[in-house]
Amino acid sequence: MRELYFLLLTCYLGAMSNEYASSLISSLIANPHWFENIDGLPNAIFLGVVVAAHSIGSIVAFFPAPWLSDKCGRRVEIMFGNIAMTAGFLGHIFSR
Protein backbone atom coordinates (compact mmCIF):
# COMPACT_ATOMS: atom_id res chain seq x y z
CA MET A 1 0.00 0.00 0.00
CA ARG A 2 2.86 2.41 0.71
CA GLU A 3 4.25 1.90 -2.78
CA LEU A 4 0.80 2.56 -4.23
CA TYR A 5 0.45 5.74 -2.18
CA PHE A 6 3.90 6.89 -3.31
CA LEU A 7 2.97 6.31 -6.95
CA LEU A 8 -0.30 8.16 -6.47
CA LEU A 9 1.57 11.02 -4.78
CA THR A 10 3.89 11.38 -7.78
CA CYS A 11 0.88 11.36 -10.13
CA TYR A 12 -0.81 14.03 -8.02
CA LEU A 13 2.31 16.20 -7.90
CA GLY A 14 2.75 15.77 -11.65
CA ALA A 15 -0.79 17.01 -12.24
CA MET A 16 -0.15 19.94 -9.88
CA SER A 17 2.97 20.93 -11.81
CA ASN A 18 1.03 20.86 -15.09
CA GLU A 19 -1.65 23.12 -13.64
CA TYR A 20 0.98 25.44 -12.14
CA ALA A 21 2.70 25.85 -15.51
CA SER A 22 -0.61 26.51 -17.28
CA SER A 23 -1.72 29.11 -14.75
CA LEU A 24 1.73 30.74 -14.77
CA ILE A 25 1.65 31.20 -18.55
CA SER A 26 -1.92 32.53 -18.39
CA SER A 27 -1.04 35.07 -15.70
CA LEU A 28 2.10 36.16 -17.55
CA ILE A 29 0.13 36.77 -20.72
CA ALA A 30 -2.36 38.88 -18.74
CA ASN A 31 0.46 41.01 -17.29
CA PRO A 32 1.28 43.96 -19.61
CA HIS A 33 4.72 44.46 -18.00
CA TRP A 34 5.78 41.00 -19.16
CA PHE A 35 5.32 42.06 -22.78
CA GLU A 36 7.59 45.07 -22.23
CA ASN A 37 10.49 42.97 -20.89
CA ILE A 38 10.62 40.40 -23.68
CA ASP A 39 11.60 41.45 -27.19
CA GLY A 40 9.42 40.13 -29.97
CA LEU A 41 6.51 39.00 -27.83
CA PRO A 42 3.98 41.33 -29.44
CA ASN A 43 4.49 39.07 -32.46
CA ALA A 44 1.54 36.66 -32.48
CA ILE A 45 3.61 33.72 -33.76
CA PHE A 46 6.13 33.98 -30.93
CA LEU A 47 3.36 34.28 -28.36
CA GLY A 48 1.76 31.14 -29.78
CA VAL A 49 5.05 29.25 -29.44
CA VAL A 50 5.40 30.40 -25.82
CA VAL A 51 1.89 29.19 -24.99
CA ALA A 52 2.34 25.92 -26.90
CA ALA A 53 5.77 25.15 -25.40
CA HIS A 54 4.14 23.33 -22.51
CA SER A 55 2.32 20.99 -24.90
CA ILE A 56 5.28 20.56 -27.26
CA GLY A 57 7.08 18.54 -24.59
CA SER A 58 4.14 16.16 -24.40
CA ILE A 59 4.11 15.75 -28.16
CA VAL A 60 7.85 15.00 -28.23
CA ALA A 61 7.51 12.44 -25.41
CA PHE A 62 4.59 10.77 -27.19
CA PHE A 63 6.80 8.96 -29.72
CA PRO A 64 9.25 7.08 -27.43
CA ALA A 65 6.62 6.39 -24.76
CA PRO A 66 5.16 3.16 -26.26
CA TRP A 67 8.62 1.70 -26.86
CA LEU A 68 9.77 2.54 -23.32
CA SER A 69 6.61 1.17 -21.74
CA ASP A 70 7.00 -2.13 -23.61
CA LYS A 71 10.68 -2.35 -22.67
CA CYS A 72 10.60 -1.18 -19.03
CA GLY A 73 6.97 -1.46 -18.02
CA ARG A 74 4.30 1.15 -17.60
CA ARG A 75 4.76 1.55 -13.85
CA VAL A 76 8.45 2.48 -14.18
CA GLU A 77 7.72 4.88 -17.03
CA ILE A 78 4.92 6.63 -15.15
CA MET A 79 7.04 6.91 -12.01
CA PHE A 80 10.04 8.25 -13.96
CA GLY A 81 7.93 10.82 -15.80
CA ASN A 82 6.19 12.03 -12.67
CA ILE A 83 9.41 12.23 -10.67
CA ALA A 84 11.04 14.21 -13.48
CA MET A 85 8.08 16.61 -13.64
CA THR A 86 8.04 16.96 -9.86
CA ALA A 87 11.79 17.65 -9.80
CA GLY A 88 11.38 20.33 -12.44
CA PHE A 89 8.45 21.84 -10.55
CA LEU A 90 10.33 21.90 -7.24
CA GLY A 91 13.50 23.18 -8.92
CA HIS A 92 11.52 26.08 -10.33
CA ILE A 93 9.91 26.86 -6.98
CA PHE A 94 13.18 26.76 -5.02
CA SER A 95 15.22 28.65 -7.63
CA ARG A 96 13.59 31.91 -6.62
PDB file of N, CA and C in Angstrom:
ATOM      1  N   MET A   1       0.822  -1.198   0.000  1.00  0.00           N
ATOM      2  CA  MET A   1       0.000   0.000   0.000  1.00  0.00           C
ATOM      3  C   MET A   1       0.865   1.260   0.000  1.00  0.00           C
ATOM      4  N   ARG A   2       2.008   1.215   0.686  1.00  0.00           N
ATOM      5  CA  ARG A   2       2.864   2.406   0.708  1.00  0.00           C
ATOM      6  C   ARG A   2       3.407   2.725  -0.674  1.00  0.00           C
ATOM      7  N   GLU A   3       3.755   1.675  -1.419  1.00  0.00           N
ATOM      8  CA  GLU A   3       4.248   1.898  -2.778  1.00  0.00           C
ATOM      9  C   GLU A   3       3.142   2.500  -3.646  1.00  0.00           C
ATOM     10  N   LEU A   4       1.929   2.010  -3.479  1.00  0.00           N
ATOM     11  CA  LEU A   4       0.800   2.557  -4.231  1.00  0.00           C
ATOM     12  C   LEU A   4       0.574   4.024  -3.867  1.00  0.00           C
ATOM     13  N   TYR A   5       0.634   4.341  -2.597  1.00  0.00           N
ATOM     14  CA  TYR A   5       0.449   5.735  -2.177  1.00  0.00           C
ATOM     15  C   TYR A   5       1.557   6.629  -2.713  1.00  0.00           C
ATOM     16  N   PHE A   6       2.790   6.105  -2.759  1.00  0.00           N
ATOM     17  CA  PHE A   6       3.899   6.892  -3.310  1.00  0.00           C
ATOM     18  C   PHE A   6       3.673   7.146  -4.793  1.00  0.00           C
ATOM     19  N   LEU A   7       3.241   6.116  -5.528  1.00  0.00           N
ATOM     20  CA  LEU A   7       2.967   6.307  -6.953  1.00  0.00           C
ATOM     21  C   LEU A   7       1.828   7.290  -7.165  1.00  0.00           C
ATOM     22  N   LEU A   8       0.802   7.209  -6.346  1.00  0.00           N
ATOM     23  CA  LEU A   8      -0.303   8.160  -6.468  1.00  0.00           C
ATOM     24  C   LEU A   8       0.137   9.578  -6.107  1.00  0.00           C
ATOM     25  N   LEU A   9       1.046   9.698  -5.143  1.00  0.00           N
ATOM     26  CA  LEU A   9       1.567  11.015  -4.783  1.00  0.00           C
ATOM     27  C   LEU A   9       2.328  11.627  -5.948  1.00  0.00           C
ATOM     28  N   THR A  10       3.153  10.832  -6.639  1.00  0.00           N
ATOM     29  CA  THR A  10       3.889  11.378  -7.777  1.00  0.00           C
ATOM     30  C   THR A  10       2.933  11.764  -8.905  1.00  0.00           C
ATOM     31  N   CYS A  11       1.873  10.988  -9.106  1.00  0.00           N
ATOM     32  CA  CYS A  11       0.883  11.361 -10.126  1.00  0.00           C
ATOM     33  C   CYS A  11       0.184  12.663  -9.752  1.00  0.00           C
ATOM     34  N   TYR A  12      -0.143  12.815  -8.488  1.00  0.00           N
ATOM     35  CA  TYR A  12      -0.813  14.030  -8.025  1.00  0.00           C
ATOM     36  C   TYR A  12       0.110  15.239  -8.164  1.00  0.00           C
ATOM     37  N   LEU A  13       1.373  15.085  -7.782  1.00  0.00           N
ATOM     38  CA  LEU A  13       2.310  16.200  -7.902  1.00  0.00           C
ATOM     39  C   LEU A  13       2.591  16.533  -9.364  1.00  0.00           C
ATOM     40  N   GLY A  14       2.595  15.515 -10.225  1.00  0.00           N
ATOM     41  CA  GLY A  14       2.751  15.774 -11.651  1.00  0.00           C
ATOM     42  C   GLY A  14       1.594  16.583 -12.203  1.00  0.00           C
ATOM     43  N   ALA A  15       0.381  16.248 -11.798  1.00  0.00           N
ATOM     44  CA  ALA A  15      -0.790  17.011 -12.236  1.00  0.00           C
ATOM     45  C   ALA A  15      -0.743  18.438 -11.687  1.00  0.00           C
ATOM     46  N   MET A  16      -0.275  18.592 -10.452  1.00  0.00           N
ATOM     47  CA  MET A  16      -0.145  19.936  -9.879  1.00  0.00           C
ATOM     48  C   MET A  16       0.858  20.775 -10.661  1.00  0.00           C
ATOM     49  N   SER A  17       1.964  20.164 -11.068  1.00  0.00           N
ATOM     50  CA  SER A  17       2.968  20.929 -11.809  1.00  0.00           C
ATOM     51  C   SER A  17       2.441  21.332 -13.179  1.00  0.00           C
ATOM     52  N   ASN A  18       1.635  20.489 -13.812  1.00  0.00           N
ATOM     53  CA  ASN A  18       1.028  20.865 -15.089  1.00  0.00           C
ATOM     54  C   ASN A  18       0.091  22.049 -14.915  1.00  0.00           C
ATOM     55  N   GLU A  19      -0.729  22.019 -13.886  1.00  0.00           N
ATOM     56  CA  GLU A  19      -1.654  23.124 -13.638  1.00  0.00           C
ATOM     57  C   GLU A  19      -0.902  24.400 -13.263  1.00  0.00           C
ATOM     58  N   TYR A  20       0.191  24.268 -12.514  1.00  0.00           N
ATOM     59  CA  TYR A  20       0.983  25.440 -12.142  1.00  0.00           C
ATOM     60  C   TYR A  20       1.566  26.104 -13.385  1.00  0.00           C
ATOM     61  N   ALA A  21       2.110  25.295 -14.297  1.00  0.00           N
ATOM     62  CA  ALA A  21       2.695  25.851 -15.511  1.00  0.00           C
ATOM     63  C   ALA A  21       1.633  26.523 -16.367  1.00  0.00           C
ATOM     64  N   SER A  22       0.471  25.922 -16.477  1.00  0.00           N
ATOM     65  CA  SER A  22      -0.611  26.514 -17.279  1.00  0.00           C
ATOM     66  C   SER A  22      -1.086  27.830 -16.676  1.00  0.00           C
ATOM     67  N   SER A  23      -1.260  27.870 -15.369  1.00  0.00           N
ATOM     68  CA  SER A  23      -1.718  29.110 -14.746  1.00  0.00           C
ATOM     69  C   SER A  23      -0.629  30.180 -14.764  1.00  0.00           C
ATOM     70  N   LEU A  24       0.636  29.768 -14.697  1.00  0.00           N
ATOM     71  CA  LEU A  24       1.731  30.739 -14.774  1.00  0.00           C
ATOM     72  C   LEU A  24       1.764  31.403 -16.136  1.00  0.00           C
ATOM     73  N   ILE A  25       1.654  30.628 -17.196  1.00  0.00           N
ATOM     74  CA  ILE A  25       1.649  31.197 -18.546  1.00  0.00           C
ATOM     75  C   ILE A  25       0.442  32.112 -18.736  1.00  0.00           C
ATOM     76  N   SER A  26      -0.721  31.700 -18.244  1.00  0.00           N
ATOM     77  CA  SER A  26      -1.921  32.533 -18.386  1.00  0.00           C
ATOM     78  C   SER A  26      -1.769  33.858 -17.656  1.00  0.00           C
ATOM     79  N   SER A  27      -1.204  33.816 -16.449  1.00  0.00           N
ATOM     80  CA  SER A  27      -1.044  35.069 -15.704  1.00  0.00           C
ATOM     81  C   SER A  27       0.044  35.950 -16.304  1.00  0.00           C
ATOM     82  N   LEU A  28       1.078  35.343 -16.890  1.00  0.00           N
ATOM     83  CA  LEU A  28       2.102  36.159 -17.547  1.00  0.00           C
ATOM     84  C   LEU A  28       1.551  36.857 -18.783  1.00  0.00           C
ATOM     85  N   ILE A  29       0.721  36.168 -19.525  1.00  0.00           N
ATOM     86  CA  ILE A  29       0.128  36.775 -20.719  1.00  0.00           C
ATOM     87  C   ILE A  29      -0.789  37.927 -20.329  1.00  0.00           C
ATOM     88  N   ALA A  30      -1.459  37.814 -19.196  1.00  0.00           N
ATOM     89  CA  ALA A  30      -2.364  38.876 -18.744  1.00  0.00           C
ATOM     90  C   ALA A  30      -1.615  40.086 -18.186  1.00  0.00           C
ATOM     91  N   ASN A  31      -0.340  39.931 -17.874  1.00  0.00           N
ATOM     92  CA  ASN A  31       0.455  41.014 -17.290  1.00  0.00           C
ATOM     93  C   ASN A  31       1.090  41.852 -18.397  1.00  0.00           C
ATOM     94  N   PRO A  32       0.727  43.142 -18.524  1.00  0.00           N
ATOM     95  CA  PRO A  32       1.284  43.955 -19.607  1.00  0.00           C
ATOM     96  C   PRO A  32       2.779  44.233 -19.436  1.00  0.00           C
ATOM     97  N   HIS A  33       3.301  44.215 -18.216  1.00  0.00           N
ATOM     98  CA  HIS A  33       4.724  44.465 -18.001  1.00  0.00           C
ATOM     99  C   HIS A  33       5.586  43.334 -18.558  1.00  0.00           C
ATOM    100  N   TRP A  34       5.035  42.146 -18.620  1.00  0.00           N
ATOM    101  CA  TRP A  34       5.779  41.004 -19.158  1.00  0.00           C
ATOM    102  C   TRP A  34       6.078  41.207 -20.644  1.00  0.00           C
ATOM    103  N   PHE A  35       5.126  41.796 -21.356  1.00  0.00           N
ATOM    104  CA  PHE A  35       5.323  42.059 -22.778  1.00  0.00           C
ATOM    105  C   PHE A  35       6.417  43.097 -23.008  1.00  0.00           C
ATOM    106  N   GLU A  36       6.571  44.032 -22.076  1.00  0.00           N
ATOM    107  CA  GLU A  36       7.593  45.072 -22.230  1.00  0.00           C
ATOM    108  C   GLU A  36       9.000  44.523 -22.032  1.00  0.00           C
ATOM    109  N   ASN A  37       9.161  43.486 -21.222  1.00  0.00           N
ATOM    110  CA  ASN A  37      10.486  42.970 -20.890  1.00  0.00           C
ATOM    111  C   ASN A  37      11.019  41.941 -21.869  1.00  0.00           C
ATOM    112  N   ILE A  38      10.185  41.427 -22.744  1.00  0.00           N
ATOM    113  CA  ILE A  38      10.623  40.400 -23.682  1.00  0.00           C
ATOM    114  C   ILE A  38      10.500  40.946 -25.091  1.00  0.00           C
ATOM    115  N   ASP A  39      11.610  40.949 -25.816  1.00  0.00           N
ATOM    116  CA  ASP A  39      11.602  41.446 -27.193  1.00  0.00           C
ATOM    117  C   ASP A  39      10.889  40.458 -28.107  1.00  0.00           C
ATOM    118  N   GLY A  40      10.070  40.946 -28.978  1.00  0.00           N
ATOM    119  CA  GLY A  40       9.417  40.127 -29.972  1.00  0.00           C
ATOM    120  C   GLY A  40       8.117  39.487 -29.532  1.00  0.00           C
ATOM    121  N   LEU A  41       7.726  39.659 -28.286  1.00  0.00           N
ATOM    122  CA  LEU A  41       6.505  39.001 -27.833  1.00  0.00           C
ATOM    123  C   LEU A  41       5.234  39.602 -28.399  1.00  0.00           C
ATOM    124  N   PRO A  42       5.196  40.863 -28.782  1.00  0.00           N
ATOM    125  CA  PRO A  42       3.975  41.332 -29.435  1.00  0.00           C
ATOM    126  C   PRO A  42       3.696  40.600 -30.750  1.00  0.00           C
ATOM    127  N   ASN A  43       4.698  39.883 -31.273  1.00  0.00           N
ATOM    128  CA  ASN A  43       4.491  39.067 -32.458  1.00  0.00           C
ATOM    129  C   ASN A  43       3.595  37.884 -32.090  1.00  0.00           C
ATOM    130  N   ALA A  44       2.523  37.688 -32.815  1.00  0.00           N
ATOM    131  CA  ALA A  44       1.537  36.657 -32.480  1.00  0.00           C
ATOM    132  C   ALA A  44       2.114  35.253 -32.626  1.00  0.00           C
ATOM    133  N   ILE A  45       3.022  35.053 -33.566  1.00  0.00           N
ATOM    134  CA  ILE A  45       3.608  33.723 -33.763  1.00  0.00           C
ATOM    135  C   ILE A  45       4.467  33.346 -32.563  1.00  0.00           C
ATOM    136  N   PHE A  46       5.275  34.269 -32.086  1.00  0.00           N
ATOM    137  CA  PHE A  46       6.130  33.977 -30.933  1.00  0.00           C
ATOM    138  C   PHE A  46       5.300  33.738 -29.675  1.00  0.00           C
ATOM    139  N   LEU A  47       4.248  34.489 -29.501  1.00  0.00           N
ATOM    140  CA  LEU A  47       3.358  34.280 -28.358  1.00  0.00           C
ATOM    141  C   LEU A  47       2.707  32.903 -28.430  1.00  0.00           C
ATOM    142  N   GLY A  48       2.326  32.475 -29.617  1.00  0.00           N
ATOM    143  CA  GLY A  48       1.764  31.141 -29.779  1.00  0.00           C
ATOM    144  C   GLY A  48       2.757  30.046 -29.430  1.00  0.00           C
ATOM    145  N   VAL A  49       4.023  30.229 -29.781  1.00  0.00           N
ATOM    146  CA  VAL A  49       5.054  29.249 -29.437  1.00  0.00           C
ATOM    147  C   VAL A  49       5.267  29.207 -27.926  1.00  0.00           C
ATOM    148  N   VAL A  50       5.240  30.355 -27.271  1.00  0.00           N
ATOM    149  CA  VAL A  50       5.402  30.398 -25.816  1.00  0.00           C
ATOM    150  C   VAL A  50       4.266  29.653 -25.126  1.00  0.00           C
ATOM    151  N   VAL A  51       3.051  29.861 -25.585  1.00  0.00           N
ATOM    152  CA  VAL A  51       1.894  29.194 -24.990  1.00  0.00           C
ATOM    153  C   VAL A  51       1.922  27.698 -25.289  1.00  0.00           C
ATOM    154  N   ALA A  52       2.334  27.325 -26.500  1.00  0.00           N
ATOM    155  CA  ALA A  52       2.338  25.918 -26.905  1.00  0.00           C
ATOM    156  C   ALA A  52       3.553  25.154 -26.389  1.00  0.00           C
ATOM    157  N   ALA A  53       4.549  25.824 -25.838  1.00  0.00           N
ATOM    158  CA  ALA A  53       5.772  25.146 -25.399  1.00  0.00           C
ATOM    159  C   ALA A  53       5.482  24.081 -24.350  1.00  0.00           C
ATOM    160  N   HIS A  54       4.501  24.309 -23.537  1.00  0.00           N
ATOM    161  CA  HIS A  54       4.140  23.328 -22.510  1.00  0.00           C
ATOM    162  C   HIS A  54       3.628  22.047 -23.152  1.00  0.00           C
ATOM    163  N   SER A  55       2.872  22.158 -24.219  1.00  0.00           N
ATOM    164  CA  SER A  55       2.322  20.988 -24.900  1.00  0.00           C
ATOM    165  C   SER A  55       3.325  20.345 -25.852  1.00  0.00           C
ATOM    166  N   ILE A  56       4.286  21.108 -26.336  1.00  0.00           N
ATOM    167  CA  ILE A  56       5.275  20.557 -27.261  1.00  0.00           C
ATOM    168  C   ILE A  56       6.079  19.449 -26.586  1.00  0.00           C
ATOM    169  N   GLY A  57       6.378  19.592 -25.314  1.00  0.00           N
ATOM    170  CA  GLY A  57       7.084  18.542 -24.587  1.00  0.00           C
ATOM    171  C   GLY A  57       6.289  17.252 -24.531  1.00  0.00           C
ATOM    172  N   SER A  58       4.991  17.354 -24.395  1.00  0.00           N
ATOM    173  CA  SER A  58       4.144  16.157 -24.396  1.00  0.00           C
ATOM    174  C   SER A  58       4.120  15.499 -25.763  1.00  0.00           C
ATOM    175  N   ILE A  59       4.122  16.301 -26.802  1.00  0.00           N
ATOM    176  CA  ILE A  59       4.111  15.748 -28.158  1.00  0.00           C
ATOM    177  C   ILE A  59       5.431  15.039 -28.446  1.00  0.00           C
ATOM    178  N   VAL A  60       6.542  15.618 -28.015  1.00  0.00           N
ATOM    179  CA  VAL A  60       7.849  14.999 -28.232  1.00  0.00           C
ATOM    180  C   VAL A  60       7.960  13.688 -27.448  1.00  0.00           C
ATOM    181  N   ALA A  61       7.441  13.657 -26.233  1.00  0.00           N
ATOM    182  CA  ALA A  61       7.511  12.442 -25.412  1.00  0.00           C
ATOM    183  C   ALA A  61       6.540  11.365 -25.886  1.00  0.00           C
ATOM    184  N   PHE A  62       5.589  11.718 -26.721  1.00  0.00           N
ATOM    185  CA  PHE A  62       4.593  10.766 -27.187  1.00  0.00           C
ATOM    186  C   PHE A  62       5.213   9.648 -28.022  1.00  0.00           C
ATOM    187  N   PHE A  63       6.235   9.945 -28.802  1.00  0.00           N
ATOM    188  CA  PHE A  63       6.797   8.960 -29.717  1.00  0.00           C
ATOM    189  C   PHE A  63       7.634   7.873 -29.032  1.00  0.00           C
ATOM    190  N   PRO A  64       8.520   8.179 -28.079  1.00  0.00           N
ATOM    191  CA  PRO A  64       9.254   7.084 -27.431  1.00  0.00           C
ATOM    192  C   PRO A  64       8.475   6.408 -26.304  1.00  0.00           C
ATOM    193  N   ALA A  65       7.350   6.944 -25.900  1.00  0.00           N
ATOM    194  CA  ALA A  65       6.617   6.391 -24.758  1.00  0.00           C
ATOM    195  C   ALA A  65       6.150   4.956 -24.964  1.00  0.00           C
ATOM    196  N   PRO A  66       5.578   4.564 -26.107  1.00  0.00           N
ATOM    197  CA  PRO A  66       5.158   3.161 -26.260  1.00  0.00           C
ATOM    198  C   PRO A  66       6.334   2.188 -26.227  1.00  0.00           C
ATOM    199  N   TRP A  67       7.440   2.569 -26.851  1.00  0.00           N
ATOM    200  CA  TRP A  67       8.620   1.704 -26.859  1.00  0.00           C
ATOM    201  C   TRP A  67       9.172   1.525 -25.443  1.00  0.00           C
ATOM    202  N   LEU A  68       9.258   2.632 -24.692  1.00  0.00           N
ATOM    203  CA  LEU A  68       9.772   2.540 -23.322  1.00  0.00           C
ATOM    204  C   LEU A  68       8.842   1.757 -22.415  1.00  0.00           C
ATOM    205  N   SER A  69       7.531   1.912 -22.599  1.00  0.00           N
ATOM    206  CA  SER A  69       6.608   1.174 -21.735  1.00  0.00           C
ATOM    207  C   SER A  69       6.644  -0.319 -22.034  1.00  0.00           C
ATOM    208  N   ASP A  70       6.859  -0.705 -23.284  1.00  0.00           N
ATOM    209  CA  ASP A  70       6.998  -2.127 -23.607  1.00  0.00           C
ATOM    210  C   ASP A  70       8.310  -2.694 -23.086  1.00  0.00           C
ATOM    211  N   LYS A  71       9.355  -1.884 -23.099  1.00  0.00           N
ATOM    212  CA  LYS A  71      10.681  -2.350 -22.670  1.00  0.00           C
ATOM    213  C   LYS A  71      10.817  -2.375 -21.148  1.00  0.00           C
ATOM    214  N   CYS A  72      10.381  -1.320 -20.483  1.00  0.00           N
ATOM    215  CA  CYS A  72      10.604  -1.177 -19.030  1.00  0.00           C
ATOM    216  C   CYS A  72       9.357  -1.440 -18.198  1.00  0.00           C
ATOM    217  N   GLY A  73       8.211  -1.323 -18.776  1.00  0.00           N
ATOM    218  CA  GLY A  73       6.972  -1.461 -18.019  1.00  0.00           C
ATOM    219  C   GLY A  73       6.324  -0.110 -17.803  1.00  0.00           C
ATOM    220  N   ARG A  74       5.037  -0.112 -17.730  1.00  0.00           N
ATOM    221  CA  ARG A  74       4.304   1.154 -17.596  1.00  0.00           C
ATOM    222  C   ARG A  74       4.502   1.800 -16.235  1.00  0.00           C
ATOM    223  N   ARG A  75       4.608   0.999 -15.195  1.00  0.00           N
ATOM    224  CA  ARG A  75       4.761   1.548 -13.851  1.00  0.00           C
ATOM    225  C   ARG A  75       6.059   2.342 -13.724  1.00  0.00           C
ATOM    226  N   VAL A  76       7.150   1.796 -14.240  1.00  0.00           N
ATOM    227  CA  VAL A  76       8.454   2.481 -14.180  1.00  0.00           C
ATOM    228  C   VAL A  76       8.410   3.755 -15.000  1.00  0.00           C
ATOM    229  N   GLU A  77       7.789   3.697 -16.170  1.00  0.00           N
ATOM    230  CA  GLU A  77       7.722   4.878 -17.025  1.00  0.00           C
ATOM    231  C   GLU A  77       6.891   5.989 -16.388  1.00  0.00           C
ATOM    232  N   ILE A  78       5.760   5.629 -15.806  1.00  0.00           N
ATOM    233  CA  ILE A  78       4.922   6.635 -15.147  1.00  0.00           C
ATOM    234  C   ILE A  78       5.654   7.241 -13.958  1.00  0.00           C
ATOM    235  N   MET A  79       6.318   6.396 -13.167  1.00  0.00           N
ATOM    236  CA  MET A  79       7.039   6.913 -12.010  1.00  0.00           C
ATOM    237  C   MET A  79       8.190   7.823 -12.448  1.00  0.00           C
ATOM    238  N   PHE A  80       8.937   7.416 -13.480  1.00  0.00           N
ATOM    239  CA  PHE A  80      10.037   8.254 -13.957  1.00  0.00           C
ATOM    240  C   PHE A  80       9.530   9.596 -14.474  1.00  0.00           C
ATOM    241  N   GLY A  81       8.474   9.577 -15.276  1.00  0.00           N
ATOM    242  CA  GLY A  81       7.928  10.823 -15.804  1.00  0.00           C
ATOM    243  C   GLY A  81       7.415  11.746 -14.717  1.00  0.00           C
ATOM    244  N   ASN A  82       6.724  11.194 -13.751  1.00  0.00           N
ATOM    245  CA  ASN A  82       6.186  12.025 -12.672  1.00  0.00           C
ATOM    246  C   ASN A  82       7.281  12.550 -11.757  1.00  0.00           C
ATOM    247  N   ILE A  83       8.299  11.746 -11.494  1.00  0.00           N
ATOM    248  CA  ILE A  83       9.410  12.233 -10.672  1.00  0.00           C
ATOM    249  C   ILE A  83      10.172  13.328 -11.404  1.00  0.00           C
ATOM    250  N   ALA A  84      10.365  13.178 -12.713  1.00  0.00           N
ATOM    251  CA  ALA A  84      11.044  14.215 -13.485  1.00  0.00           C
ATOM    252  C   ALA A  84      10.236  15.509 -13.490  1.00  0.00           C
ATOM    253  N   MET A  85       8.910  15.415 -13.671  1.00  0.00           N
ATOM    254  CA  MET A  85       8.078  16.614 -13.644  1.00  0.00           C
ATOM    255  C   MET A  85       8.078  17.256 -12.261  1.00  0.00           C
ATOM    256  N   THR A  86       8.029  16.433 -11.222  1.00  0.00           N
ATOM    257  CA  THR A  86       8.039  16.965  -9.861  1.00  0.00           C
ATOM    258  C   THR A  86       9.375  17.641  -9.556  1.00  0.00           C
ATOM    259  N   ALA A  87      10.472  17.043 -10.024  1.00  0.00           N
ATOM    260  CA  ALA A  87      11.790  17.648  -9.804  1.00  0.00           C
ATOM    261  C   ALA A  87      11.894  18.995 -10.519  1.00  0.00           C
ATOM    262  N   GLY A  88      11.376  19.064 -11.729  1.00  0.00           N
ATOM    263  CA  GLY A  88      11.376  20.333 -12.436  1.00  0.00           C
ATOM    264  C   GLY A  88      10.507  21.378 -11.764  1.00  0.00           C
ATOM    265  N   PHE A  89       9.360  20.952 -11.261  1.00  0.00           N
ATOM    266  CA  PHE A  89       8.450  21.841 -10.546  1.00  0.00           C
ATOM    267  C   PHE A  89       9.101  22.374  -9.270  1.00  0.00           C
ATOM    268  N   LEU A  90       9.695  21.470  -8.494  1.00  0.00           N
ATOM    269  CA  LEU A  90      10.330  21.896  -7.239  1.00  0.00           C
ATOM    270  C   LEU A  90      11.587  22.722  -7.508  1.00  0.00           C
ATOM    271  N   GLY A  91      12.327  22.374  -8.562  1.00  0.00           N
ATOM    272  CA  GLY A  91      13.496  23.183  -8.924  1.00  0.00           C
ATOM    273  C   GLY A  91      13.112  24.591  -9.289  1.00  0.00           C
ATOM    274  N   HIS A  92      11.984  24.743  -9.976  1.00  0.00           N
ATOM    275  CA  HIS A  92      11.517  26.083 -10.329  1.00  0.00           C
ATOM    276  C   HIS A  92      11.074  26.857  -9.096  1.00  0.00           C
ATOM    277  N   ILE A  93      10.388  26.188  -8.192  1.00  0.00           N
ATOM    278  CA  ILE A  93       9.913  26.856  -6.985  1.00  0.00           C
ATOM    279  C   ILE A  93      11.081  27.306  -6.100  1.00  0.00           C
ATOM    280  N   PHE A  94      12.074  26.431  -5.923  1.00  0.00           N
ATOM    281  CA  PHE A  94      13.175  26.758  -5.017  1.00  0.00           C
ATOM    282  C   PHE A  94      14.274  27.581  -5.665  1.00  0.00           C
ATOM    283  N   SER A  95      14.197  27.835  -6.973  1.00  0.00           N
ATOM    284  CA  SER A  95      15.224  28.645  -7.628  1.00  0.00           C
ATOM    285  C   SER A  95      14.985  30.136  -7.436  1.00  0.00           C
ATOM    286  N   ARG A  96      13.905  30.492  -6.829  1.00  0.00           N
ATOM    287  CA  ARG A  96      13.594  31.908  -6.624  1.00  0.00           C
ATOM    288  C   ARG A  96      14.401  32.456  -5.550  1.00  0.00           C
TER     289      ARG A  96
END
